[in-house]
């Protein structure tokens, strides 16, 4: 009985923790998460494209930086001050990183392949 009570408490805690995740306040107009540096991102990013490009993308900090460089090189995006660029990258890396996959291991690194013998003659 004690185990069942412990299990029930654990499941209740997990469900409340899971419910709390994803409760970030979002801006009604853009759909962006309202957090530190939100206004900077809203002013600089949605001036040229929809916020959907941000909310649906998901990238690492390096990935977001590469996107900024690509837009600067090919789409006429202006150069940001170092302070503004840092604010944008901080916001994007915190709020729009790739989704984490819980319970999955990192991909295996295969150093070399080997032949697997499956025939009955190789017992």
N, C-alpha and C. Protein backbone atom coordinates (compact mmCIF):
# COMPACT_ATOMS: atom_id res chain seq x y z
N UNK A 1 0.82 -1.20 0.00
CA UNK A 1 0.00 0.00 0.00
C UNK A 1 0.87 1.26 0.00
N UNK A 2 1.97 1.20 0.76
CA UNK A 2 2.88 2.34 0.85
C UNK A 2 3.46 2.66 -0.53
N UNK A 3 3.79 1.59 -1.30
CA UNK A 3 4.34 1.80 -2.65
C UNK A 3 3.32 2.48 -3.55
N UNK A 4 2.06 2.08 -3.43
CA UNK A 4 1.02 2.68 -4.26
C UNK A 4 0.84 4.17 -3.93
N UNK A 5 0.94 4.51 -2.66
CA UNK A 5 0.83 5.92 -2.27
C UNK A 5 2.02 6.72 -2.82
N UNK A 6 3.21 6.14 -2.70
CA UNK A 6 4.40 6.81 -3.23
C UNK A 6 4.30 6.99 -4.74
N UNK A 7 3.83 5.95 -5.41
CA UNK A 7 3.66 6.02 -6.86
C UNK A 7 2.64 7.08 -7.24
N UNK A 8 1.54 7.15 -6.51
CA UNK A 8 0.49 8.14 -6.78
C UNK A 8 1.03 9.56 -6.60
N UNK A 9 1.79 9.78 -5.53
CA UNK A 9 2.37 11.10 -5.29
C UNK A 9 3.35 11.45 -6.40
N UNK A 10 4.16 10.49 -6.80
CA UNK A 10 5.14 10.72 -7.87
C UNK A 10 4.44 11.06 -9.18
N UNK A 11 3.41 10.31 -9.52
CA UNK A 11 2.67 10.59 -10.76
C UNK A 11 1.97 11.93 -10.73
N UNK A 12 1.43 12.29 -9.58
CA UNK A 12 0.79 13.60 -9.43
C UNK A 12 1.80 14.72 -9.63
N UNK A 13 2.98 14.55 -9.04
CA UNK A 13 4.03 15.56 -9.18
C UNK A 13 4.46 15.67 -10.63
N UNK A 14 4.67 14.54 -11.29
CA UNK A 14 5.10 14.56 -12.69
C UNK A 14 4.06 15.22 -13.59
N UNK A 15 2.79 14.93 -13.36
CA UNK A 15 1.76 15.53 -14.21
C UNK A 15 1.66 17.03 -13.99
N UNK A 16 1.84 17.49 -12.75
CA UNK A 16 1.80 18.94 -12.51
C UNK A 16 3.03 19.61 -13.09
N UNK A 17 4.18 18.94 -13.04
CA UNK A 17 5.39 19.51 -13.64
C UNK A 17 5.25 19.60 -15.15
N UNK A 18 4.68 18.57 -15.75
CA UNK A 18 4.49 18.57 -17.21
C UNK A 18 3.49 19.64 -17.63
N UNK A 19 2.48 19.88 -16.80
CA UNK A 19 1.49 20.91 -17.11
C UNK A 19 2.10 22.29 -17.01
N UNK A 20 3.02 22.48 -16.07
CA UNK A 20 3.66 23.79 -15.89
C UNK A 20 4.55 24.13 -17.08
N UNK A 21 5.15 23.11 -17.70
CA UNK A 21 5.99 23.34 -18.87
C UNK A 21 5.10 23.80 -20.01
N UNK A 22 5.51 24.80 -20.73
CA UNK A 22 4.72 25.28 -21.85
C UNK A 22 3.69 26.32 -21.46
N UNK A 23 3.76 26.81 -20.23
CA UNK A 23 2.82 27.84 -19.79
C UNK A 23 3.42 29.24 -19.94
N UNK A 24 4.39 29.39 -20.78
CA UNK A 24 4.99 30.70 -20.97
C UNK A 24 3.93 31.64 -21.55
N UNK A 25 3.99 32.87 -21.11
CA UNK A 25 3.07 33.88 -21.65
C UNK A 25 3.55 34.24 -23.05
N UNK A 26 2.62 34.28 -23.98
CA UNK A 26 2.97 34.64 -25.36
C UNK A 26 2.25 35.91 -25.77
N UNK A 27 2.89 36.61 -26.67
CA UNK A 27 2.33 37.84 -27.22
C UNK A 27 1.18 37.46 -28.17
N UNK A 28 0.03 38.06 -27.98
CA UNK A 28 -1.15 37.72 -28.78
C UNK A 28 -0.94 38.03 -30.26
N UNK A 29 -0.20 39.07 -30.58
CA UNK A 29 -0.02 39.48 -31.97
C UNK A 29 0.99 38.59 -32.72
N UNK A 30 2.11 38.28 -32.06
CA UNK A 30 3.18 37.57 -32.76
C UNK A 30 3.24 36.08 -32.42
N UNK A 31 2.76 35.72 -31.25
CA UNK A 31 2.90 34.33 -30.79
C UNK A 31 4.24 34.05 -30.14
N UNK A 32 5.08 35.07 -30.05
CA UNK A 32 6.40 34.90 -29.42
C UNK A 32 6.26 34.88 -27.90
N UNK A 33 7.14 34.12 -27.27
CA UNK A 33 7.17 34.05 -25.81
C UNK A 33 7.62 35.39 -25.26
N UNK A 34 6.87 35.90 -24.28
CA UNK A 34 7.24 37.16 -23.65
C UNK A 34 8.26 36.86 -22.56
N UNK A 35 9.45 37.32 -22.77
CA UNK A 35 10.57 37.05 -21.89
C UNK A 35 11.57 38.19 -22.07
N UNK A 36 12.64 38.13 -21.31
CA UNK A 36 13.67 39.15 -21.46
C UNK A 36 14.13 39.18 -22.92
N UNK A 37 14.26 40.35 -23.48
CA UNK A 37 14.69 40.61 -24.86
C UNK A 37 13.60 40.35 -25.90
N UNK A 38 12.38 40.09 -25.45
CA UNK A 38 11.26 39.89 -26.38
C UNK A 38 11.07 41.08 -27.29
N UNK A 39 11.05 42.28 -26.71
CA UNK A 39 10.81 43.49 -27.51
C UNK A 39 11.90 43.68 -28.57
N UNK A 40 13.13 43.38 -28.23
CA UNK A 40 14.24 43.52 -29.18
C UNK A 40 14.03 42.57 -30.37
N UNK A 41 13.66 41.34 -30.07
CA UNK A 41 13.41 40.36 -31.14
C UNK A 41 12.21 40.79 -31.97
N UNK A 42 11.15 41.20 -31.31
CA UNK A 42 9.94 41.63 -32.02
C UNK A 42 10.26 42.78 -32.97
N UNK A 43 11.00 43.77 -32.50
CA UNK A 43 11.31 44.94 -33.32
C UNK A 43 12.23 44.60 -34.48
N UNK A 44 13.23 43.75 -34.24
CA UNK A 44 14.23 43.50 -35.27
C UNK A 44 13.89 42.35 -36.20
N UNK A 45 13.17 41.38 -35.74
CA UNK A 45 12.92 40.19 -36.56
C UNK A 45 11.59 40.26 -37.30
N UNK A 46 10.55 40.71 -36.62
CA UNK A 46 9.25 40.72 -37.29
C UNK A 46 9.07 41.94 -38.19
N UNK A 47 10.08 42.80 -38.25
CA UNK A 47 10.03 43.91 -39.20
C UNK A 47 10.12 43.38 -40.63
N UNK A 48 10.74 42.20 -40.81
CA UNK A 48 10.93 41.65 -42.14
C UNK A 48 10.14 40.37 -42.42
N UNK A 49 9.89 39.59 -41.39
CA UNK A 49 9.18 38.32 -41.62
C UNK A 49 8.28 37.98 -40.45
N UNK A 50 7.42 37.04 -40.69
CA UNK A 50 6.47 36.59 -39.67
C UNK A 50 7.21 35.94 -38.50
N UNK A 51 6.63 36.08 -37.34
CA UNK A 51 7.19 35.42 -36.15
C UNK A 51 7.08 33.91 -36.26
N UNK A 52 6.22 33.42 -37.14
CA UNK A 52 6.09 31.97 -37.35
C UNK A 52 7.42 31.35 -37.79
N UNK A 53 8.23 32.10 -38.51
CA UNK A 53 9.54 31.58 -38.91
C UNK A 53 10.40 31.29 -37.68
N UNK A 54 10.18 32.03 -36.62
CA UNK A 54 10.92 31.81 -35.38
C UNK A 54 10.28 30.68 -34.59
N UNK A 55 8.98 30.77 -34.38
CA UNK A 55 8.31 29.82 -33.49
C UNK A 55 8.31 28.40 -34.05
N UNK A 56 8.41 28.25 -35.35
CA UNK A 56 8.40 26.92 -35.94
C UNK A 56 9.78 26.38 -36.26
N UNK A 57 10.81 27.23 -36.16
CA UNK A 57 12.15 26.80 -36.57
C UNK A 57 12.85 25.97 -35.50
N UNK A 58 13.24 26.59 -34.43
CA UNK A 58 14.00 25.89 -33.40
C UNK A 58 15.42 25.64 -33.86
N UNK A 59 16.37 26.30 -33.22
CA UNK A 59 17.78 26.13 -33.58
C UNK A 59 18.64 26.36 -32.34
N UNK A 60 19.84 25.88 -32.42
CA UNK A 60 20.81 26.15 -31.36
C UNK A 60 21.26 27.60 -31.49
N UNK A 61 22.00 28.07 -30.51
CA UNK A 61 22.53 29.44 -30.60
C UNK A 61 23.36 29.61 -31.88
N UNK A 62 24.19 28.63 -32.18
CA UNK A 62 25.00 28.70 -33.41
C UNK A 62 24.11 28.69 -34.65
N UNK A 63 23.04 27.92 -34.59
CA UNK A 63 22.10 27.88 -35.71
C UNK A 63 21.41 29.21 -35.93
N UNK A 64 20.99 29.84 -34.83
CA UNK A 64 20.36 31.16 -34.95
C UNK A 64 21.36 32.18 -35.47
N UNK A 65 22.59 32.09 -35.00
CA UNK A 65 23.61 33.03 -35.49
C UNK A 65 23.86 32.81 -36.98
N UNK A 66 23.90 31.56 -37.41
CA UNK A 66 24.07 31.27 -38.85
C UNK A 66 22.90 31.82 -39.66
N UNK A 67 21.70 31.74 -39.11
CA UNK A 67 20.52 32.30 -39.80
C UNK A 67 20.64 33.81 -39.95
N UNK A 68 21.10 34.46 -38.89
CA UNK A 68 21.30 35.92 -38.95
C UNK A 68 22.33 36.25 -40.01
N UNK A 69 23.45 35.52 -40.03
CA UNK A 69 24.50 35.79 -41.02
C UNK A 69 23.97 35.58 -42.44
N UNK A 70 23.18 34.51 -42.64
CA UNK A 70 22.61 34.26 -43.96
C UNK A 70 21.71 35.41 -44.37
N UNK A 71 20.87 35.88 -43.46
CA UNK A 71 19.97 37.00 -43.78
C UNK A 71 20.76 38.26 -44.07
N UNK A 72 21.86 38.47 -43.36
CA UNK A 72 22.69 39.65 -43.62
C UNK A 72 23.39 39.56 -44.96
N UNK A 73 23.83 38.37 -45.32
CA UNK A 73 24.57 38.18 -46.57
C UNK A 73 23.66 38.13 -47.80
N UNK A 74 22.45 37.62 -47.64
CA UNK A 74 21.61 37.39 -48.81
C UNK A 74 20.28 38.15 -48.83
N UNK A 75 19.82 38.64 -47.67
CA UNK A 75 18.50 39.24 -47.60
C UNK A 75 18.50 40.71 -47.19
N UNK A 76 19.66 41.34 -47.20
CA UNK A 76 19.80 42.76 -46.83
C UNK A 76 19.47 43.06 -45.37
N UNK A 77 19.63 42.10 -44.49
CA UNK A 77 19.44 42.38 -43.07
C UNK A 77 20.58 43.27 -42.60
N UNK A 78 20.22 44.30 -41.86
CA UNK A 78 21.22 45.24 -41.35
C UNK A 78 22.11 44.58 -40.30
N UNK A 79 23.26 45.20 -40.07
CA UNK A 79 24.17 44.74 -39.02
C UNK A 79 23.65 45.21 -37.67
N UNK A 80 23.64 44.33 -36.70
CA UNK A 80 23.22 44.69 -35.36
C UNK A 80 24.42 45.16 -34.56
N UNK A 81 24.16 45.98 -33.57
CA UNK A 81 25.22 46.29 -32.61
C UNK A 81 25.50 45.00 -31.85
N UNK A 82 26.70 44.83 -31.30
CA UNK A 82 26.99 43.61 -30.53
C UNK A 82 25.98 43.39 -29.39
N UNK A 83 25.55 44.46 -28.73
CA UNK A 83 24.59 44.34 -27.63
C UNK A 83 23.23 43.82 -28.14
N UNK A 84 22.77 44.36 -29.27
CA UNK A 84 21.49 43.93 -29.84
C UNK A 84 21.56 42.49 -30.32
N UNK A 85 22.64 42.14 -31.00
CA UNK A 85 22.78 40.77 -31.49
C UNK A 85 22.83 39.78 -30.32
N UNK A 86 23.54 40.12 -29.27
CA UNK A 86 23.60 39.25 -28.09
C UNK A 86 22.21 39.08 -27.48
N UNK A 87 21.46 40.16 -27.37
CA UNK A 87 20.10 40.08 -26.82
C UNK A 87 19.21 39.17 -27.66
N UNK A 88 19.30 39.31 -28.97
CA UNK A 88 18.50 38.47 -29.88
C UNK A 88 18.90 37.01 -29.73
N UNK A 89 20.19 36.73 -29.77
CA UNK A 89 20.65 35.35 -29.66
C UNK A 89 20.32 34.75 -28.29
N UNK A 90 20.45 35.54 -27.23
CA UNK A 90 20.09 35.05 -25.89
C UNK A 90 18.63 34.62 -25.86
N UNK A 91 17.76 35.47 -26.39
CA UNK A 91 16.32 35.19 -26.40
C UNK A 91 16.01 33.95 -27.23
N UNK A 92 16.53 33.90 -28.45
CA UNK A 92 16.22 32.79 -29.35
C UNK A 92 16.77 31.46 -28.82
N UNK A 93 18.00 31.48 -28.30
CA UNK A 93 18.59 30.25 -27.79
C UNK A 93 17.85 29.74 -26.56
N UNK A 94 17.34 30.64 -25.75
CA UNK A 94 16.61 30.23 -24.55
C UNK A 94 15.21 29.74 -24.88
N UNK A 95 14.51 30.45 -25.74
CA UNK A 95 13.09 30.18 -25.96
C UNK A 95 12.76 29.35 -27.20
N UNK A 96 13.68 29.28 -28.14
CA UNK A 96 13.40 28.57 -29.39
C UNK A 96 14.56 27.67 -29.79
N UNK A 97 15.04 26.92 -28.82
CA UNK A 97 16.06 25.90 -29.08
C UNK A 97 15.35 24.67 -29.62
N UNK A 98 16.11 23.75 -30.22
CA UNK A 98 15.46 22.52 -30.68
C UNK A 98 14.80 21.80 -29.51
N UNK A 99 13.69 21.14 -29.76
CA UNK A 99 13.04 20.42 -28.67
C UNK A 99 13.93 19.31 -28.15
N UNK A 100 13.90 19.13 -26.85
CA UNK A 100 14.68 18.07 -26.23
C UNK A 100 13.88 16.78 -26.31
N UNK A 101 14.57 15.72 -26.60
CA UNK A 101 13.91 14.43 -26.62
C UNK A 101 14.28 13.71 -25.34
N UNK A 102 13.33 13.59 -24.46
CA UNK A 102 13.56 12.97 -23.17
C UNK A 102 13.63 11.46 -23.34
N UNK A 103 14.64 10.87 -22.73
CA UNK A 103 14.72 9.42 -22.72
C UNK A 103 15.43 8.81 -23.92
N UNK A 104 15.89 9.62 -24.81
CA UNK A 104 16.61 9.08 -25.97
C UNK A 104 18.10 9.33 -25.80
N UNK A 105 18.86 8.37 -26.18
CA UNK A 105 20.31 8.52 -26.10
C UNK A 105 20.81 9.28 -27.33
N UNK A 106 22.01 9.75 -27.24
CA UNK A 106 22.63 10.41 -28.40
C UNK A 106 22.88 9.35 -29.48
N UNK A 107 22.91 9.76 -30.75
CA UNK A 107 23.19 8.79 -31.81
C UNK A 107 24.54 8.11 -31.59
N UNK A 108 24.61 6.84 -31.94
CA UNK A 108 25.86 6.10 -31.82
C UNK A 108 26.84 6.53 -32.90
N UNK A 109 28.09 6.55 -32.55
CA UNK A 109 29.14 6.82 -33.53
C UNK A 109 29.67 5.48 -33.99
N UNK A 110 29.55 5.18 -35.28
CA UNK A 110 29.98 3.90 -35.82
C UNK A 110 31.40 4.07 -36.34
N UNK A 111 32.33 3.37 -35.72
CA UNK A 111 33.73 3.45 -36.13
C UNK A 111 34.00 2.60 -37.37
N UNK A 112 33.31 1.52 -37.49
CA UNK A 112 33.50 0.64 -38.63
C UNK A 112 32.43 -0.43 -38.65
N UNK A 113 32.15 -0.95 -39.80
CA UNK A 113 31.12 -1.97 -39.92
C UNK A 113 31.76 -3.34 -39.85
N UNK A 114 30.98 -4.31 -39.49
CA UNK A 114 31.45 -5.69 -39.47
C UNK A 114 30.40 -6.55 -40.14
N UNK A 115 30.82 -7.72 -40.56
CA UNK A 115 29.91 -8.65 -41.24
C UNK A 115 29.20 -9.49 -40.18
N UNK A 116 27.91 -9.57 -40.29
CA UNK A 116 27.09 -10.35 -39.39
C UNK A 116 26.69 -11.63 -40.12
N UNK A 117 27.08 -12.75 -39.59
CA UNK A 117 26.74 -14.04 -40.20
C UNK A 117 25.46 -14.55 -39.55
N UNK A 118 24.44 -14.78 -40.34
CA UNK A 118 23.16 -15.21 -39.79
C UNK A 118 22.76 -16.60 -40.26
N UNK A 119 23.53 -17.18 -41.13
CA UNK A 119 23.17 -18.50 -41.66
C UNK A 119 23.36 -19.60 -40.61
N UNK A 120 22.66 -20.71 -40.79
CA UNK A 120 22.69 -21.85 -39.87
C UNK A 120 24.08 -22.49 -39.84
N UNK A 121 24.85 -22.33 -40.88
CA UNK A 121 26.16 -22.98 -40.93
C UNK A 121 27.19 -22.27 -40.06
N UNK A 122 26.88 -21.13 -39.51
CA UNK A 122 27.84 -20.35 -38.70
C UNK A 122 27.46 -20.36 -37.23
N UNK A 123 27.26 -21.47 -36.65
CA UNK A 123 26.84 -21.57 -35.25
C UNK A 123 27.99 -21.40 -34.32
